[in-house]
Amino acid sequence: MSDGRRDGAEPVGIDELLERVRAGFVRVGPREAAAAASDGALLVDIRYAELRERDGLIPGALVVERNELEWRLDPLGSHRAPQAVSHDLRIVIVCNEGYASSLAVASLRQLGLHRATDLIGGFQAWRAAGLPVER
């Protein structure tokens, strides 16, 4: 019986996948993310609407829900956000707790966005660090 794999690769669990993905880039903490934003990096909040409504927003962050991320940040894409001007753009992805953002970074890096990274601990870490949040 076939398990549906065509490339012969063994299945991998999500914890191992996260470890592999994160080995490919340097993640940043809340204060580093804030400093990067002050220096021109684009903070991108990929949390879904319910979480943003419940917890608030990072001032100045671009909100792009996860299912639209690649289309909105690809500088070559026809549906890109105005901020998606270059593959050299420094991008910090923010999810709720810092898990989905790591997988999103892996996808962005496949598009050539080589300076993309994510926020360790996500929005919850940002808020716990006492950084600005707006309702």
Protein backbone atom coordinates (compact mmCIF):
# COMPACT_ATOMS: atom_id res chain seq x y z
CA MET A 1 0.00 0.00 0.00
CA SER A 2 1.34 3.43 -0.94
CA ASP A 3 1.49 6.23 1.60
CA GLY A 4 1.24 8.88 -1.12
CA ARG A 5 4.88 10.00 -1.02
CA ARG A 6 6.48 10.33 -4.43
CA ASP A 7 9.93 11.60 -3.50
CA GLY A 8 10.82 8.75 -1.13
CA ALA A 9 11.32 11.17 1.78
CA GLU A 10 10.41 10.00 5.24
CA PRO A 11 7.63 11.86 7.01
CA VAL A 12 8.75 14.47 9.53
CA GLY A 13 6.88 15.76 12.60
CA ILE A 14 6.13 19.43 13.06
CA ASP A 15 8.67 19.87 15.87
CA GLU A 16 11.47 18.54 13.68
CA LEU A 17 10.28 20.60 10.73
CA LEU A 18 10.33 23.76 12.86
CA GLU A 19 13.85 22.94 14.04
CA ARG A 20 15.03 22.44 10.45
CA VAL A 21 13.36 25.62 9.21
CA ARG A 22 14.67 27.76 12.07
CA ALA A 23 18.23 26.53 11.50
CA GLY A 24 18.16 28.48 8.23
CA PHE A 25 17.78 31.97 9.69
CA VAL A 26 18.35 34.07 12.80
CA ARG A 27 15.15 34.84 14.69
CA VAL A 28 14.73 38.06 16.67
CA GLY A 29 13.32 38.92 20.08
CA PRO A 30 10.77 41.68 20.72
CA ARG A 31 13.26 44.49 21.34
CA GLU A 32 15.32 43.47 18.30
CA ALA A 33 12.15 43.48 16.20
CA ALA A 34 11.23 46.95 17.46
CA ALA A 35 14.74 48.21 16.68
CA ALA A 36 14.60 46.63 13.21
CA ALA A 37 11.28 48.38 12.55
CA SER A 38 12.81 51.69 13.65
CA ASP A 39 15.59 51.04 11.12
CA GLY A 40 13.12 50.45 8.27
CA ALA A 41 12.25 46.76 8.57
CA LEU A 42 8.69 45.78 7.75
CA LEU A 43 6.81 44.13 10.62
CA VAL A 44 4.11 41.86 9.21
CA ASP A 45 1.32 40.60 11.47
CA ILE A 46 -0.11 37.32 10.15
CA ARG A 47 -2.53 36.65 13.03
CA TYR A 48 -6.13 36.09 12.14
CA ALA A 49 -8.72 38.80 12.80
CA GLU A 50 -10.09 37.35 16.05
CA LEU A 51 -6.66 37.49 17.70
CA ARG A 52 -5.99 41.02 16.45
CA GLU A 53 -9.36 42.16 17.78
CA ARG A 54 -8.81 40.44 21.11
CA ASP A 55 -5.21 41.49 21.76
CA GLY A 56 -4.59 44.58 19.63
CA LEU A 57 -2.04 45.53 16.99
CA ILE A 58 1.60 46.50 16.81
CA PRO A 59 1.61 50.14 15.66
CA GLY A 60 2.87 50.41 12.10
CA ALA A 61 2.78 46.68 11.36
CA LEU A 62 1.39 45.58 8.03
CA VAL A 63 -1.50 43.15 8.56
CA VAL A 64 -1.50 40.29 6.07
CA GLU A 65 -3.31 37.12 7.02
CA ARG A 66 -1.25 33.99 6.53
CA ASN A 67 -3.18 32.71 3.51
CA GLU A 68 -2.26 35.86 1.52
CA LEU A 69 1.31 36.33 2.72
CA GLU A 70 3.31 35.15 -0.29
CA TRP A 71 1.09 37.02 -2.75
CA ARG A 72 1.33 40.27 -0.79
CA LEU A 73 5.09 40.21 -0.08
CA ASP A 74 6.49 38.88 -3.36
CA PRO A 75 8.11 41.92 -5.03
CA LEU A 76 7.48 40.28 -8.43
CA GLY A 77 3.86 39.43 -7.68
CA SER A 78 0.86 41.04 -9.30
CA HIS A 79 -0.94 41.29 -5.92
CA ARG A 80 1.94 42.65 -3.87
CA ALA A 81 1.50 45.20 -1.12
CA PRO A 82 3.00 48.63 -1.82
CA GLN A 83 5.64 47.93 0.84
CA ALA A 84 6.93 44.84 -1.05
CA VAL A 85 9.51 46.75 -3.04
CA SER A 86 12.57 44.49 -3.04
CA HIS A 87 13.92 41.04 -2.29
CA ASP A 88 16.38 42.86 0.00
CA LEU A 89 13.60 44.16 2.24
CA ARG A 90 14.09 43.24 5.90
CA ILE A 91 10.87 41.57 7.04
CA VAL A 92 9.91 40.40 10.54
CA ILE A 93 6.90 38.08 10.57
CA VAL A 94 4.72 38.15 13.69
CA CYS A 95 2.21 35.45 14.56
CA ASN A 96 0.60 34.89 17.94
CA GLU A 97 3.29 32.83 19.68
CA GLY A 98 6.15 32.39 17.19
CA TYR A 99 5.37 29.06 15.52
CA ALA A 100 3.40 29.76 12.34
CA SER A 101 5.70 32.70 11.66
CA SER A 102 8.73 30.42 11.34
CA LEU A 103 6.98 28.33 8.67
CA ALA A 104 5.92 31.54 6.91
CA VAL A 105 9.53 32.75 6.85
CA ALA A 106 10.61 29.50 5.18
CA SER A 107 8.08 30.12 2.44
CA LEU A 108 9.15 33.76 1.96
CA ARG A 109 12.78 32.73 1.74
CA GLN A 110 11.86 30.33 -1.07
CA LEU A 111 10.57 33.42 -2.92
CA GLY A 112 13.97 35.07 -2.52
CA LEU A 113 13.13 37.29 0.46
CA HIS A 114 16.46 36.39 2.06
CA ARG A 115 16.24 38.90 4.92
CA ALA A 116 12.92 37.60 6.24
CA THR A 117 12.86 36.42 9.84
CA ASP A 118 10.32 36.07 12.62
CA LEU A 119 9.64 37.23 16.14
CA ILE A 120 10.49 34.72 18.86
CA GLY A 121 7.35 34.30 20.97
CA GLY A 122 5.23 36.27 18.50
CA PHE A 123 2.80 39.00 19.45
CA GLN A 124 2.48 37.62 22.98
CA ALA A 125 6.21 38.17 23.57
CA TRP A 126 5.98 41.68 22.10
CA ARG A 127 3.18 42.56 24.49
CA ALA A 128 4.90 40.89 27.49
CA ALA A 129 8.00 43.00 26.77
CA GLY A 130 5.88 46.12 27.30
CA LEU A 131 6.24 47.29 23.69
CA PRO A 132 3.49 49.44 22.15
CA VAL A 133 0.14 47.86 21.34
CA GLU A 134 -2.86 49.70 19.97
CA ARG A 135 -6.49 48.70 20.14
